[in-house]
Amino acid sequence: MIVVTGATGNVGRPLVELLAAAGEEVTAVSRRPAVGLPAGVMHRQGDLADVDGLKGLFEGAEAVYLLVAGLGDELRPREIVAAAVACGVRRIVFQSSQLVGTRTDSVSHEILRAFEEAVRESGVEWTVLRPGGFASNAFLWAEQVRSARSVAAPFADVALPVVDPADVAGVAAAALRDPAHAGRTYVLTGPVAVSPREQVRALAEALDAPVEFVAQSADEARSRLVRFLPEEAVDGMLSVMGEPRADEQRVSPDVERVLGRAPRPFSAWAARNAPAFA
């Protein structure tokens, strides 16, 4: 049986669907009730921060997809990983971040580094996924597009190879099912770097309607984003968006290596998710 934590999120939900479609026995774990899960998928409601309840989340699992919400700074990595191993888990796939490797001085990613260390030292098979920026971050623009057919964003022409969460899910499914991926760390990106202006253009094409791009200062963007995200996360995000390092702009071959096909472009994500912006 495979346990998927964060099972209702942008990666967790398609991962559950992929595993269920492949005939795997899947348990979806989320902090809130889950609706619309595939037939046959079991749901367990719980929180990784509840150390005493971890046995109930991991019991019976052979493999676990470990995803932490937000910054995860309220979590105890070694206790969580130890609880999974104590329940008989033999394979852990951990969703980390590309920034763990590119921003080694980032305070906001210390908890992910601690999780990576705990997973690597667990004594079981492990795989670490380090996705770059997600295409789904564009959902933050959805209300602007719906109400005003415009997007205000900073760093208009700074391009990054954002990754489709469905591709992260595809790599995760492969790593959970195939021991050939044990001991690997995969950096996951899209096929080409795209700027915010180009992303808005792709959304307009998906909607078959004009969407105006409005250039925004970094300070203006920060004041808006802190309404939704922790300040440390916002500062890290704006740093990457405005002054990306070479490794953060580089397209990684790992999605194609694992899935045998090129990663999906942002335009494909936009077409698939156009109803959220309509």
Protein backbone atom coordinates (compact mmCIF):
# COMPACT_ATOMS: atom_id res chain seq x y z
CA MET A 1 0.00 0.00 0.00
CA ILE A 2 1.22 3.51 -0.84
CA VAL A 3 0.47 6.49 1.42
CA VAL A 4 0.36 9.92 -0.22
CA THR A 5 0.55 12.88 2.15
CA GLY A 6 -0.69 16.25 0.95
CA ALA A 7 -3.08 14.23 -1.17
CA THR A 8 -5.48 17.05 -2.06
CA GLY A 9 -2.83 19.47 -3.38
CA ASN A 10 -1.55 20.32 -6.85
CA VAL A 11 0.86 17.37 -6.83
CA GLY A 12 -0.87 15.02 -4.40
CA ARG A 13 -4.20 14.80 -6.20
CA PRO A 14 -2.81 13.84 -9.65
CA LEU A 15 -0.37 11.49 -7.92
CA VAL A 16 -3.23 9.65 -6.20
CA GLU A 17 -5.05 9.44 -9.53
CA LEU A 18 -1.99 8.06 -11.34
CA LEU A 19 -1.33 5.42 -8.70
CA ALA A 20 -4.97 4.36 -8.53
CA ALA A 21 -5.15 4.11 -12.33
CA ALA A 22 -2.07 1.86 -12.23
CA GLY A 23 -3.87 -0.52 -9.89
CA GLU A 24 -1.99 0.40 -6.72
CA GLU A 25 -3.59 0.30 -3.29
CA VAL A 26 -3.53 3.95 -2.23
CA THR A 27 -4.24 5.80 1.00
CA ALA A 28 -4.66 9.56 0.63
CA VAL A 29 -3.70 11.63 3.66
CA SER A 30 -4.78 15.24 4.12
CA ARG A 31 -5.44 17.62 6.97
CA ARG A 32 -8.98 18.30 5.76
CA PRO A 33 -11.72 16.04 4.40
CA ALA A 34 -11.12 14.97 0.80
CA VAL A 35 -13.73 14.80 -1.93
CA GLY A 36 -13.55 13.42 -5.43
CA LEU A 37 -10.92 10.77 -4.77
CA PRO A 38 -10.78 7.87 -7.25
CA ALA A 39 -12.84 4.79 -6.45
CA GLY A 40 -11.07 2.43 -4.10
CA VAL A 41 -8.75 5.04 -2.59
CA MET A 42 -8.80 5.12 1.20
CA HIS A 43 -8.64 8.47 3.00
CA ARG A 44 -7.02 9.21 6.34
CA GLN A 45 -7.39 12.65 7.87
CA GLY A 46 -4.40 13.78 9.88
CA ASP A 47 -1.52 16.18 10.27
CA LEU A 48 2.21 15.45 10.16
CA ALA A 49 2.61 17.91 13.03
CA ASP A 50 0.66 15.49 15.27
CA VAL A 51 3.53 13.18 16.21
CA ASP A 52 1.28 10.98 18.33
CA GLY A 53 -0.99 10.34 15.35
CA LEU A 54 1.72 9.39 12.84
CA LYS A 55 1.32 5.65 13.36
CA GLY A 56 -2.29 5.94 12.26
CA LEU A 57 -1.22 7.70 9.05
CA PHE A 58 1.58 5.33 8.04
CA GLU A 59 0.34 1.97 9.32
CA GLY A 60 0.27 -0.73 6.64
CA ALA A 61 2.23 1.29 4.08
CA GLU A 62 5.13 -0.07 2.07
CA ALA A 63 5.88 3.29 0.40
CA VAL A 64 5.19 6.91 1.36
CA TYR A 65 5.10 10.13 -0.61
CA LEU A 66 6.15 12.75 1.91
CA LEU A 67 5.08 16.32 1.22
CA VAL A 68 5.08 19.11 3.79
CA ALA A 69 2.70 22.04 3.62
CA GLY A 70 3.90 25.64 3.65
CA LEU A 71 7.38 26.01 5.09
CA GLY A 72 6.89 22.96 7.30
CA ASP A 73 8.68 24.79 10.11
CA GLU A 74 6.37 23.33 12.77
CA LEU A 75 7.37 19.77 11.87
CA ARG A 76 9.97 17.38 13.32
CA PRO A 77 11.57 15.64 10.33
CA ARG A 78 13.43 12.85 12.11
CA GLU A 79 10.43 11.86 14.20
CA ILE A 80 8.17 11.78 11.14
CA VAL A 81 10.59 9.68 9.11
CA ALA A 82 11.29 7.39 12.08
CA ALA A 83 7.56 6.84 12.57
CA ALA A 84 7.19 5.79 8.93
CA VAL A 85 10.10 3.35 9.19
CA ALA A 86 8.74 1.95 12.46
CA CYS A 87 5.45 1.20 10.66
CA GLY A 88 7.27 -0.94 8.11
CA VAL A 89 7.65 1.60 5.29
CA ARG A 90 10.39 0.44 2.91
CA ARG A 91 10.47 3.32 0.43
CA ILE A 92 10.13 7.10 0.92
CA VAL A 93 9.85 9.67 -1.84
CA PHE A 94 10.24 13.19 -0.47
CA GLN A 95 9.13 16.36 -2.26
CA SER A 96 11.77 18.98 -1.52
CA SER A 97 12.67 22.07 -3.55
CA GLN A 98 15.26 23.00 -6.15
CA LEU A 99 16.23 25.87 -3.84
CA VAL A 100 17.66 23.43 -1.29
CA GLY A 101 20.45 22.91 -3.80
CA THR A 102 20.72 26.39 -5.30
CA ARG A 103 20.12 28.55 -2.21
CA THR A 104 22.09 26.76 0.48
CA ASP A 105 21.99 29.87 2.68
CA SER A 106 18.19 30.13 2.57
CA VAL A 107 16.77 30.06 6.09
CA SER A 108 13.27 29.31 4.80
CA HIS A 109 14.50 26.00 3.31
CA GLU A 110 16.33 24.70 6.38
CA ILE A 111 13.43 22.41 7.26
CA LEU A 112 13.51 20.82 3.80
CA ARG A 113 17.25 20.22 4.20
CA ALA A 114 16.53 18.54 7.52
CA PHE A 115 13.90 16.33 5.88
CA GLU A 116 16.29 15.38 3.09
CA GLU A 117 18.92 14.39 5.65
CA ALA A 118 16.42 12.37 7.67
CA VAL A 119 15.18 10.54 4.57
CA ARG A 120 18.69 9.77 3.30
CA GLU A 121 19.73 8.45 6.71
CA SER A 122 16.54 6.44 7.29
CA GLY A 123 17.95 3.08 6.21
CA VAL A 124 15.15 2.53 3.66
CA GLU A 125 15.01 3.20 -0.08
CA TRP A 126 14.62 6.91 -0.76
CA THR A 127 14.21 9.34 -3.63
CA VAL A 128 14.29 13.13 -3.31
CA LEU A 129 12.41 15.35 -5.78
CA ARG A 130 13.53 18.96 -6.12
CA PRO A 131 11.00 20.77 -8.31
CA GLY A 132 11.60 24.34 -9.39
CA GLY A 133 8.83 26.92 -9.48
CA PHE A 134 5.37 25.50 -10.15
CA ALA A 135 3.20 26.48 -13.10
CA SER A 136 0.31 26.35 -10.64
CA ASN A 137 1.64 29.47 -8.86
CA ALA A 138 -0.28 31.24 -11.62
CA PHE A 139 -3.47 30.40 -9.71
CA LEU A 140 -2.57 33.45 -7.61
CA TRP A 141 -3.59 35.49 -10.66
CA ALA A 142 -6.95 33.79 -11.12
CA GLU A 143 -9.10 36.39 -9.36
CA GLN A 144 -7.40 39.24 -11.26
CA VAL A 145 -8.04 37.51 -14.55
CA ARG A 146 -11.66 36.65 -13.74
CA SER A 147 -12.56 40.13 -12.47
CA ALA A 148 -10.44 42.47 -14.59
CA ARG A 149 -8.90 40.41 -17.41
CA SER A 150 -5.49 41.62 -16.25
CA VAL A 151 -2.48 40.37 -14.28
CA ALA A 152 -0.20 42.56 -12.18
CA ALA A 153 3.17 40.89 -11.60
CA PRO A 154 6.81 41.87 -11.06
CA PHE A 155 9.91 40.96 -13.11
CA ALA A 156 7.93 40.91 -16.36
CA ASP A 157 10.65 39.49 -18.58
CA VAL A 158 12.69 37.33 -16.19
CA ALA A 159 12.16 33.75 -17.37
CA LEU A 160 12.21 30.52 -15.34
CA PRO A 161 11.43 26.93 -16.47
CA VAL A 162 8.37 26.41 -14.27
CA VAL A 163 7.23 22.81 -13.89
CA ASP A 164 3.74 21.37 -14.32
CA PRO A 165 2.69 19.75 -11.00
CA ALA A 166 1.31 16.83 -13.02
CA ASP A 167 4.85 16.09 -14.20
CA VAL A 168 6.07 16.14 -10.61
CA ALA A 169 3.29 13.66 -9.84
CA GLY A 170 4.37 11.48 -12.78
CA VAL A 171 7.97 11.31 -11.54
CA ALA A 172 6.74 10.65 -8.00
CA ALA A 173 4.57 7.76 -9.17
CA ALA A 174 7.54 6.22 -10.98
CA ALA A 175 9.78 6.59 -7.93
CA LEU A 176 7.17 5.10 -5.59
CA ARG A 177 6.65 2.04 -7.80
CA ASP A 178 10.15 1.32 -9.15
CA PRO A 179 13.21 0.67 -6.93
CA ALA A 180 15.45 1.73 -9.82
CA HIS A 181 14.95 5.31 -8.63
CA ALA A 182 16.24 4.63 -5.11
CA GLY A 183 19.10 6.83 -3.99
CA ARG A 184 18.42 9.46 -6.67
CA THR A 185 17.81 13.20 -6.35
CA TYR A 186 15.87 14.62 -9.29
CA VAL A 187 15.61 18.30 -10.21
CA LEU A 188 12.28 18.85 -11.96
CA THR A 189 11.60 21.75 -14.34
CA GLY A 190 9.55 22.55 -17.39
CA PRO A 191 10.93 22.30 -20.95
CA VAL A 192 11.73 25.98 -21.45
CA ALA A 193 12.07 29.13 -19.39
CA VAL A 194 9.01 31.40 -19.54
CA SER A 195 8.60 34.92 -18.17
CA PRO A 196 5.51 36.23 -16.35
CA ARG A 197 4.61 38.23 -19.46
CA GLU A 198 4.79 35.05 -21.57
CA GLN A 199 2.73 33.14 -19.02
CA VAL A 200 -0.01 35.75 -19.17
CA ARG A 201 0.07 35.54 -22.97
CA ALA A 202 -0.39 31.76 -22.71
CA LEU A 203 -3.35 32.23 -20.36
CA ALA A 204 -4.94 34.66 -22.82
CA GLU A 205 -4.55 32.12 -25.61
CA ALA A 206 -6.06 29.39 -23.43
CA LEU A 207 -9.02 31.63 -22.63
CA ASP A 208 -9.28 32.96 -26.19
CA ALA A 209 -9.65 36.40 -24.64
CA PRO A 210 -7.31 39.34 -24.07
CA VAL A 211 -5.52 39.51 -20.71
CA GLU A 212 -3.51 42.65 -19.98
CA PHE A 213 -0.12 42.39 -18.29
CA VAL A 214 0.54 45.16 -15.75
CA ALA A 215 4.14 45.59 -14.59
CA GLN A 216 4.39 45.64 -10.80
CA SER A 217 7.25 46.60 -8.48
CA ALA A 218 8.77 44.02 -6.15
CA ASP A 219 7.44 45.93 -3.13
CA GLU A 220 3.92 45.98 -4.57
CA ALA A 221 4.10 42.24 -5.23
CA ARG A 222 5.38 41.53 -1.73
CA SER A 223 2.57 43.48 -0.04
CA ARG A 224 0.03 41.38 -1.94
CA LEU A 225 1.69 37.98 -1.57
CA VAL A 226 2.13 38.19 2.21
CA ARG A 227 -1.66 38.05 2.47
CA PHE A 228 -1.51 34.44 1.24
CA LEU A 229 1.99 33.16 2.08
CA PRO A 230 4.51 33.32 4.95
CA GLU A 231 6.87 36.31 4.72
CA GLU A 232 9.98 34.11 4.46
CA ALA A 233 8.43 32.20 1.56
CA VAL A 234 7.48 35.43 -0.22
CA ASP A 235 10.96 36.91 0.16
CA GLY A 236 12.51 33.71 -1.19
CA MET A 237 10.08 33.57 -4.10
CA LEU A 238 10.72 37.20 -5.10
CA SER A 239 14.47 36.68 -4.85
CA VAL A 240 14.32 33.77 -7.27
CA MET A 241 11.86 35.53 -9.60
CA GLY A 242 13.90 38.73 -9.74
CA GLU A 243 17.49 37.50 -9.55
CA PRO A 244 17.53 33.81 -10.51
CA ARG A 245 20.82 31.97 -10.47
CA ALA A 246 22.06 30.14 -13.54
CA ASP A 247 21.01 26.74 -12.18
CA GLU A 248 17.49 28.04 -11.55
CA GLN A 249 17.12 29.16 -15.16
CA ARG A 250 18.54 25.94 -16.59
CA VAL A 251 16.19 23.25 -17.93
CA SER A 252 16.77 19.95 -16.14
CA PRO A 253 16.67 16.67 -18.11
CA ASP A 254 15.29 14.67 -15.17
CA VAL A 255 11.57 14.71 -16.05
CA GLU A 256 12.37 13.32 -19.49
CA ARG A 257 14.83 10.79 -18.06
CA VAL A 258 12.18 9.36 -15.75
CA LEU A 259 9.04 9.67 -17.89
CA GLY A 260 10.55 9.10 -21.32
CA ARG A 261 8.99 12.27 -22.71
CA ALA A 262 9.60 15.99 -22.54
CA PRO A 263 8.02 17.88 -19.63
CA ARG A 264 4.80 19.75 -20.38
CA PRO A 265 5.13 23.46 -21.25
CA PHE A 266 3.34 26.18 -19.32
CA SER A 267 0.94 26.61 -22.24
CA ALA A 268 -0.33 23.05 -21.72
CA TRP A 269 -0.90 23.72 -18.02
CA ALA A 270 -2.76 26.93 -18.91
CA ALA A 271 -5.00 25.15 -21.43
CA ARG A 272 -5.85 22.41 -18.92
CA ASN A 273 -6.63 24.88 -16.13
CA ALA A 274 -8.31 27.63 -18.15
CA PRO A 275 -11.70 27.12 -16.39
CA ALA A 276 -10.18 28.43 -13.14
CA PHE A 277 -9.49 31.76 -14.86
CA ALA A 278 -12.69 32.04 -16.91
